[in-house]
Amino acid sequence: MIQSPGATHDFHYTWNSIEDSMPMPIRSVSLSLTLLALFAAVSVPAQVKFAQKKGDSQRYTVKQKMDVGGTEAEVVSEVQNEVVDIADSGVSLKSTTKSLKIFLNGEQMEPAPEATPYEVKTGKGGELTSVKGGIEGVDTVRQFLVTHFFAPEGDLTKDQPAKRTFEKAGEVPKLAVETTYLGEDTLNGVKVHKFSQKVAEDGNYGISVESTVWFNAEGVMVKKEAKFKNLPILVAGADASGTCTIELNAK
């Protein structure tokens, strides 16, 4: 998640006090739901004019629903994203959760735990090379994949899928990514460009994410709707499936 410079969190103390009073299935869901990160990074197709620069920042509302071992969970979060640095080798990003509400089987959890900041690096081709942050006991990288958008290389032909493969990089697994440009659309009276994207981890039981994503003419992601399967919740020994919606907040 993106965090403004100088922000601090006494996260572990806050979470541990909550965690100790919760049964394991609910603790497991809560851990995963605090990890809501996103960033459409590096480049976008020529249909969209995009000039990413250091200091670029957007704020989003993120809503995620999932099921883990019969526990239904929903989170509503506001996330601030920032481009920390741009170099020939890639882009450095930071993401912070500004507000967070968690509902477990319809009941709001009070207080909601704070999320530690995400620090993310991408390579010059848009591949993820490092994802740090989050909470111990949860698969940080795969939770990040639920909200992330991999920008395709070069121009795209409408309705023609462009496929890429990213090799394993540290904790980031080998991924197959398929992106399709679906043409122009309108959101809230503004012309946008619509894409679909499928992300699949290598192997029979890896995470998979299918999403529809909208960008404005400046190359800013304005909305994403995603469905995911096989998100590993390590402390529960189970996988989660669910949905995630991300929307750009008005300035």
C-alpha atoms as a PDB file:
ATOM      1  CA  MET A   1       0.000   0.000   0.000  1.00  0.00           C
ATOM      2  CA  ILE A   2       1.114   3.505  -0.521  1.00  0.00           C
ATOM      3  CA  GLN A   3       2.093   5.539   2.443  1.00  0.00           C
ATOM      4  CA  SER A   4       2.804   9.251   2.720  1.00  0.00           C
ATOM      5  CA  PRO A   5       6.345  10.005   3.950  1.00  0.00           C
ATOM      6  CA  GLY A   6       6.665  10.092   7.697  1.00  0.00           C
ATOM      7  CA  ALA A   7       3.580   8.018   8.519  1.00  0.00           C
ATOM      8  CA  THR A   8       4.073   5.491  11.319  1.00  0.00           C
ATOM      9  CA  HIS A   9       2.043   2.569  12.651  1.00  0.00           C
ATOM     10  CA  ASP A  10       2.125   0.733  15.984  1.00  0.00           C
ATOM     11  CA  PHE A  11       0.709  -2.205  14.065  1.00  0.00           C
ATOM     12  CA  HIS A  12       1.893  -5.312  15.869  1.00  0.00           C
ATOM     13  CA  TYR A  13       0.693  -4.209  19.284  1.00  0.00           C
ATOM     14  CA  THR A  14      -2.741  -3.300  17.934  1.00  0.00           C
ATOM     15  CA  TRP A  15      -3.195  -6.497  15.939  1.00  0.00           C
ATOM     16  CA  ASN A  16      -1.923  -8.891  18.604  1.00  0.00           C
ATOM     17  CA  SER A  17      -4.397  -7.590  21.139  1.00  0.00           C
ATOM     18  CA  ILE A  18      -7.236  -8.245  18.695  1.00  0.00           C
ATOM     19  CA  GLU A  19      -5.892 -11.549  17.409  1.00  0.00           C
ATOM     20  CA  ASP A  20      -5.623 -13.174  20.820  1.00  0.00           C
ATOM     21  CA  SER A  21      -9.360 -12.773  21.414  1.00  0.00           C
ATOM     22  CA  MET A  22     -10.494 -14.230  18.067  1.00  0.00           C
ATOM     23  CA  PRO A  23     -11.043 -17.865  16.977  1.00  0.00           C
ATOM     24  CA  MET A  24      -8.641 -19.147  14.337  1.00  0.00           C
ATOM     25  CA  PRO A  25     -10.947 -18.963  11.259  1.00  0.00           C
ATOM     26  CA  ILE A  26     -11.823 -15.333  11.952  1.00  0.00           C
ATOM     27  CA  ARG A  27      -8.202 -14.413  12.715  1.00  0.00           C
ATOM     28  CA  SER A  28      -7.152 -15.937   9.406  1.00  0.00           C
ATOM     29  CA  VAL A  29      -9.627 -13.916   7.370  1.00  0.00           C
ATOM     30  CA  SER A  30      -8.794 -10.723   9.224  1.00  0.00           C
ATOM     31  CA  LEU A  31      -5.107 -11.106   8.469  1.00  0.00           C
ATOM     32  CA  SER A  32      -5.674 -11.437   4.749  1.00  0.00           C
ATOM     33  CA  LEU A  33      -8.146  -8.601   4.534  1.00  0.00           C
ATOM     34  CA  THR A  34      -5.759  -6.021   5.902  1.00  0.00           C
ATOM     35  CA  LEU A  35      -3.507  -6.564   2.894  1.00  0.00           C
ATOM     36  CA  LEU A  36      -5.157  -4.535   0.159  1.00  0.00           C
ATOM     37  CA  ALA A  37      -2.603  -3.239  -2.299  1.00  0.00           C
ATOM     38  CA  LEU A  38      -2.822  -2.047  -5.873  1.00  0.00           C
ATOM     39  CA  PHE A  39      -0.911  -0.196  -8.509  1.00  0.00           C
ATOM     40  CA  ALA A  40      -1.057  -0.148 -12.305  1.00  0.00           C
ATOM     41  CA  ALA A  41       2.593   0.505 -13.011  1.00  0.00           C
ATOM     42  CA  VAL A  42       5.313   1.147 -15.562  1.00  0.00           C
ATOM     43  CA  SER A  43       3.480   1.683 -18.888  1.00  0.00           C
ATOM     44  CA  VAL A  44       0.149   1.369 -20.625  1.00  0.00           C
ATOM     45  CA  PRO A  45      -0.753   0.745 -24.282  1.00  0.00           C
ATOM     46  CA  ALA A  46      -0.665   3.534 -26.851  1.00  0.00           C
ATOM     47  CA  GLN A  47      -4.469   3.841 -26.706  1.00  0.00           C
ATOM     48  CA  VAL A  48      -3.872   5.673 -23.423  1.00  0.00           C
ATOM     49  CA  LYS A  49      -1.603   8.693 -23.027  1.00  0.00           C
ATOM     50  CA  PHE A  50       0.516   7.954 -19.984  1.00  0.00           C
ATOM     51  CA  ALA A  51       3.499   9.712 -18.459  1.00  0.00           C
ATOM     52  CA  GLN A  52       4.217   8.318 -15.010  1.00  0.00           C
ATOM     53  CA  LYS A  53       6.514  10.427 -12.864  1.00  0.00           C
ATOM     54  CA  LYS A  54       8.008  10.440  -9.415  1.00  0.00           C
ATOM     55  CA  GLY A  55       5.535  11.729  -6.848  1.00  0.00           C
ATOM     56  CA  ASP A  56       2.391  10.711  -8.727  1.00  0.00           C
ATOM     57  CA  SER A  57      -0.270   9.801  -6.188  1.00  0.00           C
ATOM     58  CA  GLN A  58      -3.843   8.513  -6.287  1.00  0.00           C
ATOM     59  CA  ARG A  59      -6.341   7.556  -3.631  1.00  0.00           C
ATOM     60  CA  TYR A  60      -8.712   4.596  -4.076  1.00  0.00           C
ATOM     61  CA  THR A  61     -11.617   2.918  -2.342  1.00  0.00           C
ATOM     62  CA  VAL A  62     -11.177  -0.848  -2.171  1.00  0.00           C
ATOM     63  CA  LYS A  63     -13.960  -3.319  -1.382  1.00  0.00           C
ATOM     64  CA  GLN A  64     -13.123  -6.988  -1.032  1.00  0.00           C
ATOM     65  CA  LYS A  65     -15.306  -9.973  -0.157  1.00  0.00           C
ATOM     66  CA  MET A  66     -13.992 -13.472   0.495  1.00  0.00           C
ATOM     67  CA  ASP A  67     -14.814 -16.791   2.059  1.00  0.00           C
ATOM     68  CA  VAL A  68     -12.289 -18.712   4.154  1.00  0.00           C
ATOM     69  CA  GLY A  69     -13.375 -21.914   5.839  1.00  0.00           C
ATOM     70  CA  GLY A  70     -16.993 -20.778   5.997  1.00  0.00           C
ATOM     71  CA  THR A  71     -16.239 -17.312   7.391  1.00  0.00           C
ATOM     72  CA  GLU A  72     -17.665 -14.554   5.179  1.00  0.00           C
ATOM     73  CA  ALA A  73     -15.620 -11.386   5.309  1.00  0.00           C
ATOM     74  CA  GLU A  74     -15.881  -7.934   3.755  1.00  0.00           C
ATOM     75  CA  VAL A  75     -13.474  -5.022   3.903  1.00  0.00           C
ATOM     76  CA  VAL A  76     -13.917  -1.380   2.906  1.00  0.00           C
ATOM     77  CA  SER A  77     -10.646   0.495   2.696  1.00  0.00           C
ATOM     78  CA  GLU A  78      -9.156   3.739   1.419  1.00  0.00           C
ATOM     79  CA  VAL A  79      -5.668   3.349  -0.025  1.00  0.00           C
ATOM     80  CA  GLN A  80      -3.106   5.979  -1.026  1.00  0.00           C
ATOM     81  CA  ASN A  81      -0.677   5.022  -3.800  1.00  0.00           C
ATOM     82  CA  GLU A  82       2.527   6.873  -4.643  1.00  0.00           C
ATOM     83  CA  VAL A  83       5.348   6.531  -7.174  1.00  0.00           C
ATOM     84  CA  VAL A  84       8.463   6.733  -5.018  1.00  0.00           C
ATOM     85  CA  ASP A  85      11.117   6.498  -7.717  1.00  0.00           C
ATOM     86  CA  ILE A  86      11.589   5.828 -11.421  1.00  0.00           C
ATOM     87  CA  ALA A  87      14.885   4.462 -12.749  1.00  0.00           C
ATOM     88  CA  ASP A  88      16.156   2.640 -15.826  1.00  0.00           C
ATOM     89  CA  SER A  89      15.838  -0.615 -13.880  1.00  0.00           C
ATOM     90  CA  GLY A  90      12.161  -0.095 -12.950  1.00  0.00           C
ATOM     91  CA  VAL A  91       9.746   1.665 -10.628  1.00  0.00           C
ATOM     92  CA  SER A  92       9.464   1.815  -6.830  1.00  0.00           C
ATOM     93  CA  LEU A  93       5.973   2.137  -5.360  1.00  0.00           C
ATOM     94  CA  LYS A  94       4.561   2.606  -1.893  1.00  0.00           C
ATOM     95  CA  SER A  95       1.025   2.018  -0.655  1.00  0.00           C
ATOM     96  CA  THR A  96      -0.704   2.801   2.631  1.00  0.00           C
ATOM     97  CA  THR A  97      -4.147   2.072   3.995  1.00  0.00           C
ATOM     98  CA  LYS A  98      -5.728   5.320   5.220  1.00  0.00           C
ATOM     99  CA  SER A  99      -8.921   3.803   6.622  1.00  0.00           C
ATOM    100  CA  LEU A 100     -10.164   0.260   7.110  1.00  0.00           C
ATOM    101  CA  LYS A 101     -13.453  -1.362   8.091  1.00  0.00           C
ATOM    102  CA  ILE A 102     -13.730  -5.152   8.393  1.00  0.00           C
ATOM    103  CA  PHE A 103     -16.941  -7.157   8.682  1.00  0.00           C
ATOM    104  CA  LEU A 104     -16.856 -10.833   9.691  1.00  0.00           C
ATOM    105  CA  ASN A 105     -20.090 -12.743   9.103  1.00  0.00           C
ATOM    106  CA  GLY A 106     -21.839  -9.364   8.990  1.00  0.00           C
ATOM    107  CA  GLU A 107     -20.400  -8.019  12.257  1.00  0.00           C
ATOM    108  CA  GLN A 108     -17.971  -5.112  12.185  1.00  0.00           C
ATOM    109  CA  MET A 109     -14.675  -5.771  13.929  1.00  0.00           C
ATOM    110  CA  GLU A 110     -13.695  -2.990  16.345  1.00  0.00           C
ATOM    111  CA  PRO A 111     -11.107  -1.703  16.247  1.00  0.00           C
ATOM    112  CA  ALA A 112      -9.893  -2.641  12.780  1.00  0.00           C
ATOM    113  CA  PRO A 113      -6.190  -3.521  12.626  1.00  0.00           C
ATOM    114  CA  GLU A 114      -3.784  -1.145  10.904  1.00  0.00           C
ATOM    115  CA  ALA A 115      -1.951  -2.378   7.816  1.00  0.00           C
ATOM    116  CA  THR A 116       1.798  -1.993   7.469  1.00  0.00           C
ATOM    117  CA  PRO A 117       2.865  -0.224   4.262  1.00  0.00           C
ATOM    118  CA  TYR A 118       3.585  -2.091   1.075  1.00  0.00           C
ATOM    119  CA  GLU A 119       6.890  -1.369  -0.657  1.00  0.00           C
ATOM    120  CA  VAL A 120       6.857  -2.697  -4.216  1.00  0.00           C
ATOM    121  CA  LYS A 121       9.429  -2.750  -6.992  1.00  0.00           C
ATOM    122  CA  THR A 122       8.832  -3.556 -10.638  1.00  0.00           C
ATOM    123  CA  GLY A 123      11.336  -4.278 -13.383  1.00  0.00           C
ATOM    124  CA  LYS A 124      11.647  -2.279 -16.596  1.00  0.00           C
ATOM    125  CA  GLY A 125       9.299  -4.740 -18.320  1.00  0.00           C
ATOM    126  CA  GLY A 126       6.554  -4.318 -15.722  1.00  0.00           C
ATOM    127  CA  GLU A 127       7.322  -7.533 -13.822  1.00  0.00           C
ATOM    128  CA  LEU A 128       7.099  -7.594 -10.055  1.00  0.00           C
ATOM    129  CA  THR A 129      10.544  -8.032  -8.558  1.00  0.00           C
ATOM    130  CA  SER A 130       9.864  -7.340  -4.869  1.00  0.00           C
ATOM    131  CA  VAL A 131       6.772  -7.045  -2.655  1.00  0.00           C
ATOM    132  CA  LYS A 132       7.330  -6.250   1.022  1.00  0.00           C
ATOM    133  CA  GLY A 133       4.964  -5.341   3.828  1.00  0.00           C
ATOM    134  CA  GLY A 134       1.746  -6.773   5.162  1.00  0.00           C
ATOM    135  CA  ILE A 135       1.210  -9.101   8.105  1.00  0.00           C
ATOM    136  CA  GLU A 136       3.043 -12.213   9.247  1.00  0.00           C
ATOM    137  CA  GLY A 137       1.091 -15.362   8.474  1.00  0.00           C
ATOM    138  CA  VAL A 138      -0.463 -14.171   5.224  1.00  0.00           C
ATOM    139  CA  ASP A 139       0.853 -14.664   1.684  1.00  0.00           C
ATOM    140  CA  THR A 140       1.700 -11.027   1.007  1.00  0.00           C
ATOM    141  CA  VAL A 141       2.661 -11.418  -2.662  1.00  0.00           C
ATOM    142  CA  ARG A 142      -0.469 -13.302  -3.727  1.00  0.00           C
ATOM    143  CA  GLN A 143      -2.759 -10.900  -1.891  1.00  0.00           C
ATOM    144  CA  PHE A 144      -1.043  -8.096  -3.813  1.00  0.00           C
ATOM    145  CA  LEU A 145      -1.775  -9.907  -7.085  1.00  0.00           C
ATOM    146  CA  VAL A 146      -5.514  -9.611  -6.405  1.00  0.00           C
ATOM    147  CA  THR A 147      -5.346  -5.832  -6.739  1.00  0.00           C
ATOM    148  CA  HIS A 148      -2.403  -5.342  -9.110  1.00  0.00           C
ATOM    149  CA  PHE A 149      -2.607  -4.602 -12.849  1.00  0.00           C
ATOM    150  CA  PHE A 150       0.231  -5.696 -15.141  1.00  0.00           C
ATOM    151  CA  ALA A 151       0.586  -3.118 -17.894  1.00  0.00           C
ATOM    152  CA  PRO A 152       1.101  -4.752 -21.314  1.00  0.00           C
ATOM    153  CA  GLU A 153       3.985  -3.894 -23.617  1.00  0.00           C
ATOM    154  CA  GLY A 154       3.382  -1.818 -26.740  1.00  0.00           C
ATOM    155  CA  ASP A 155       0.160  -1.346 -28.676  1.00  0.00           C
ATOM    156  CA  LEU A 156      -2.769  -3.723 -28.343  1.00  0.00           C
ATOM    157  CA  THR A 157      -5.227  -4.701 -31.052  1.00  0.00           C
ATOM    158  CA  LYS A 158      -8.805  -4.496 -29.863  1.00  0.00           C
ATOM    159  CA  ASP A 159     -10.205  -7.861 -28.716  1.00  0.00           C
ATOM    160  CA  GLN A 160      -6.885  -9.626 -29.388  1.00  0.00           C
ATOM    161  CA  PRO A 161      -5.308 -11.081 -26.207  1.00  0.00           C
ATOM    162  CA  ALA A 162      -1.654 -10.271 -25.554  1.00  0.00           C
ATOM    163  CA  LYS A 163       0.114 -12.950 -23.513  1.00  0.00           C
ATOM    164  CA  ARG A 164       3.198 -12.581 -21.346  1.00  0.00           C
ATOM    165  CA  THR A 165       5.071 -14.853 -18.945  1.00  0.00           C
ATOM    166  CA  PHE A 166       6.957 -13.537 -15.939  1.00  0.00           C
ATOM    167  CA  GLU A 167       9.570 -15.857 -14.464  1.00  0.00           C
ATOM    168  CA  LYS A 168       9.862 -16.408 -10.718  1.00  0.00           C
ATOM    169  CA  ALA A 169      11.622 -13.517  -8.963  1.00  0.00           C
ATOM    170  CA  GLY A 170      12.369 -14.076  -5.284  1.00  0.00           C
ATOM    171  CA  GLU A 171       9.048 -14.570  -3.502  1.00  0.00           C
ATOM    172  CA  VAL A 172       7.078 -13.608  -6.624  1.00  0.00           C
ATOM    173  CA  PRO A 173       5.963 -16.831  -8.395  1.00  0.00           C
ATOM    174  CA  LYS A 174       6.078 -17.552 -12.101  1.00  0.00           C
ATOM    175  CA  LEU A 175       3.011 -15.942 -13.686  1.00  0.00           C
ATOM    176  CA  ALA A 176       1.102 -16.119 -16.959  1.00  0.00           C
ATOM    177  CA  VAL A 177      -0.624 -12.826 -17.805  1.00  0.00           C
ATOM    178  CA  GLU A 178      -3.170 -12.300 -20.595  1.00  0.00           C
ATOM    179  CA  THR A 179      -4.380  -8.763 -21.329  1.00  0.00           C
ATOM    180  CA  THR A 180      -7.048  -7.697 -23.842  1.00  0.00           C
ATOM    181  CA  TYR A 181      -7.947  -4.166 -24.899  1.00  0.00           C
ATOM    182  CA  LEU A 182     -11.758  -3.994 -25.096  1.00  0.00           C
ATOM    183  CA  GLY A 183     -12.094  -0.478 -26.524  1.00  0.00           C
ATOM    184  CA  GLU A 184     -13.512   2.818 -25.317  1.00  0.00           C
ATOM    185  CA  ASP A 185     -16.148   3.029 -22.605  1.00  0.00           C
ATOM    186  CA  THR A 186     -17.781   5.690 -20.407  1.00  0.00           C
ATOM    187  CA  LEU A 187     -17.675   5.915 -16.603  1.00  0.00           C
ATOM    188  CA  ASN A 188     -19.453   8.751 -14.806  1.00  0.00           C
ATOM    189  CA  GLY A 189     -19.737  10.642 -18.080  1.00  0.00           C
ATOM    190  CA  VAL A 190     -16.001  10.438 -18.828  1.00  0.00           C
ATOM    191  CA  LYS A 191     -14.444   8.539 -21.727  1.00  0.00           C
ATOM    192  CA  VAL A 192     -12.189   5.720 -20.541  1.00  0.00           C
ATOM    193  CA  HIS A 193     -10.336   2.737 -22.001  1.00  0.00           C
ATOM    194  CA  LYS A 194     -11.406  -0.749 -20.964  1.00  0.00           C
ATOM    195  CA  PHE A 195      -9.166  -3.797 -20.530  1.00  0.00           C
ATOM    196  CA  SER A 196      -9.533  -7.351 -19.282  1.00  0.00           C
ATOM    197  CA  GLN A 197      -6.720  -9.238 -17.631  1.00  0.00           C
ATOM    198  CA  LYS A 198      -6.136 -12.798 -16.464  1.00  0.00           C
ATOM    199  CA  VAL A 199      -3.299 -13.645 -14.090  1.00  0.00           C
ATOM    200  CA  ALA A 200      -2.473 -17.257 -13.283  1.00  0.00           C
ATOM    201  CA  GLU A 201       0.278 -18.641 -11.092  1.00  0.00           C
ATOM    202  CA  ASP A 202       2.247 -21.550 -12.507  1.00  0.00           C
ATOM    203  CA  GLY A 203       1.046 -24.906 -11.178  1.00  0.00           C
ATOM    204  CA  ASN A 204      -2.260 -26.666 -10.576  1.00  0.00           C
ATOM    205  CA  TYR A 205      -3.180 -24.940  -7.317  1.00  0.00           C
ATOM    206  CA  GLY A 206      -1.813 -21.422  -7.733  1.00  0.00           C
ATOM    207  CA  ILE A 207      -3.772 -18.215  -7.404  1.00  0.00           C
ATOM    208  CA  SER A 208      -5.780 -16.958 -10.375  1.00  0.00           C
ATOM    209  CA  VAL A 209      -7.282 -13.510 -10.885  1.00  0.00           C
ATOM    210  CA  GLU A 210      -9.650 -12.370 -13.653  1.00  0.00           C
ATOM    211  CA  SER A 211     -10.407  -8.667 -13.854  1.00  0.00           C
ATOM    212  CA  THR A 212     -11.877  -5.840 -15.889  1.00  0.00           C
ATOM    213  CA  VAL A 213      -9.953  -2.568 -15.618  1.00  0.00           C
ATOM    214  CA  TRP A 214     -10.686   0.978 -16.809  1.00  0.00           C
ATOM    215  CA  PHE A 215      -8.086   3.734 -17.434  1.00  0.00           C
ATOM    216  CA  ASN A 216      -8.662   7.398 -18.218  1.00  0.00           C
ATOM    217  CA  ALA A 217      -6.865   9.198 -21.054  1.00  0.00           C
ATOM    218  CA  GLU A 218      -4.014  10.170 -18.724  1.00  0.00           C
ATOM    219  CA  GLY A 219      -3.252   6.538 -17.929  1.00  0.00           C
ATOM    220  CA  VAL A 220      -4.689   6.525 -14.413  1.00  0.00           C
ATOM    221  CA  MET A 221      -6.624   3.444 -13.346  1.00  0.00           C
ATOM    222  CA  VAL A 222     -10.126   4.613 -12.440  1.00  0.00           C
ATOM    223  CA  LYS A 223     -11.798   1.275 -11.700  1.00  0.00           C
ATOM    224  CA  LYS A 224     -11.096  -2.433 -11.374  1.00  0.00           C
ATOM    225  CA  GLU A 225     -13.449  -5.363 -10.823  1.00  0.00           C
ATOM    226  CA  ALA A 226     -11.787  -8.692 -10.058  1.00  0.00           C
ATOM    227  CA  LYS A 227     -12.608 -12.286  -9.149  1.00  0.00           C
ATOM    228  CA  PHE A 228      -9.945 -14.472  -7.555  1.00  0.00           C
ATOM    229  CA  LYS A 229      -9.445 -18.105  -6.568  1.00  0.00           C
ATOM    230  CA  ASN A 230      -6.886 -19.998  -4.487  1.00  0.00           C
ATOM    231  CA  LEU A 231      -5.620 -17.107  -2.397  1.00  0.00           C
ATOM    232  CA  PRO A 232      -3.626 -18.948   0.311  1.00  0.00           C
ATOM    233  CA  ILE A 233      -4.375 -18.001   3.901  1.00  0.00           C
ATOM    234  CA  LEU A 234      -1.366 -19.625   5.542  1.00  0.00           C
ATOM    235  CA  VAL A 235      -2.401 -19.409   9.185  1.00  0.00           C
ATOM    236  CA  ALA A 236      -5.742 -21.055   8.368  1.00  0.00           C
ATOM    237  CA  GLY A 237      -4.299 -23.744   6.125  1.00  0.00           C
ATOM    238  CA  ALA A 238      -6.958 -22.892   3.538  1.00  0.00           C
ATOM    239  CA  ASP A 239      -7.444 -21.031   0.277  1.00  0.00           C
ATOM    240  CA  ALA A 240      -9.884 -18.157  -0.223  1.00  0.00           C
ATOM    241  CA  SER A 241     -12.052 -17.146  -3.176  1.00  0.00           C
ATOM    242  CA  GLY A 242     -13.810 -13.847  -3.609  1.00  0.00           C
ATOM    243  CA  THR A 243     -14.219 -10.519  -5.383  1.00  0.00           C
ATOM    244  CA  CYS A 244     -12.471  -7.160  -5.267  1.00  0.00           C
ATOM    245  CA  THR A 245     -13.641  -3.757  -6.526  1.00  0.00           C
ATOM    246  CA  ILE A 246     -11.334  -0.731  -6.706  1.00  0.00           C
ATOM    247  CA  GLU A 247     -12.446   2.812  -7.590  1.00  0.00           C
ATOM    248  CA  LEU A 248     -10.501   6.048  -7.908  1.00  0.00           C
ATOM    249  CA  ASN A 249     -11.598   8.688  -5.422  1.00  0.00           C
ATOM    250  CA  ALA A 250     -12.530  12.144  -6.681  1.00  0.00           C
ATOM    251  CA  LYS A 251      -9.982  14.812  -5.766  1.00  0.00           C
END
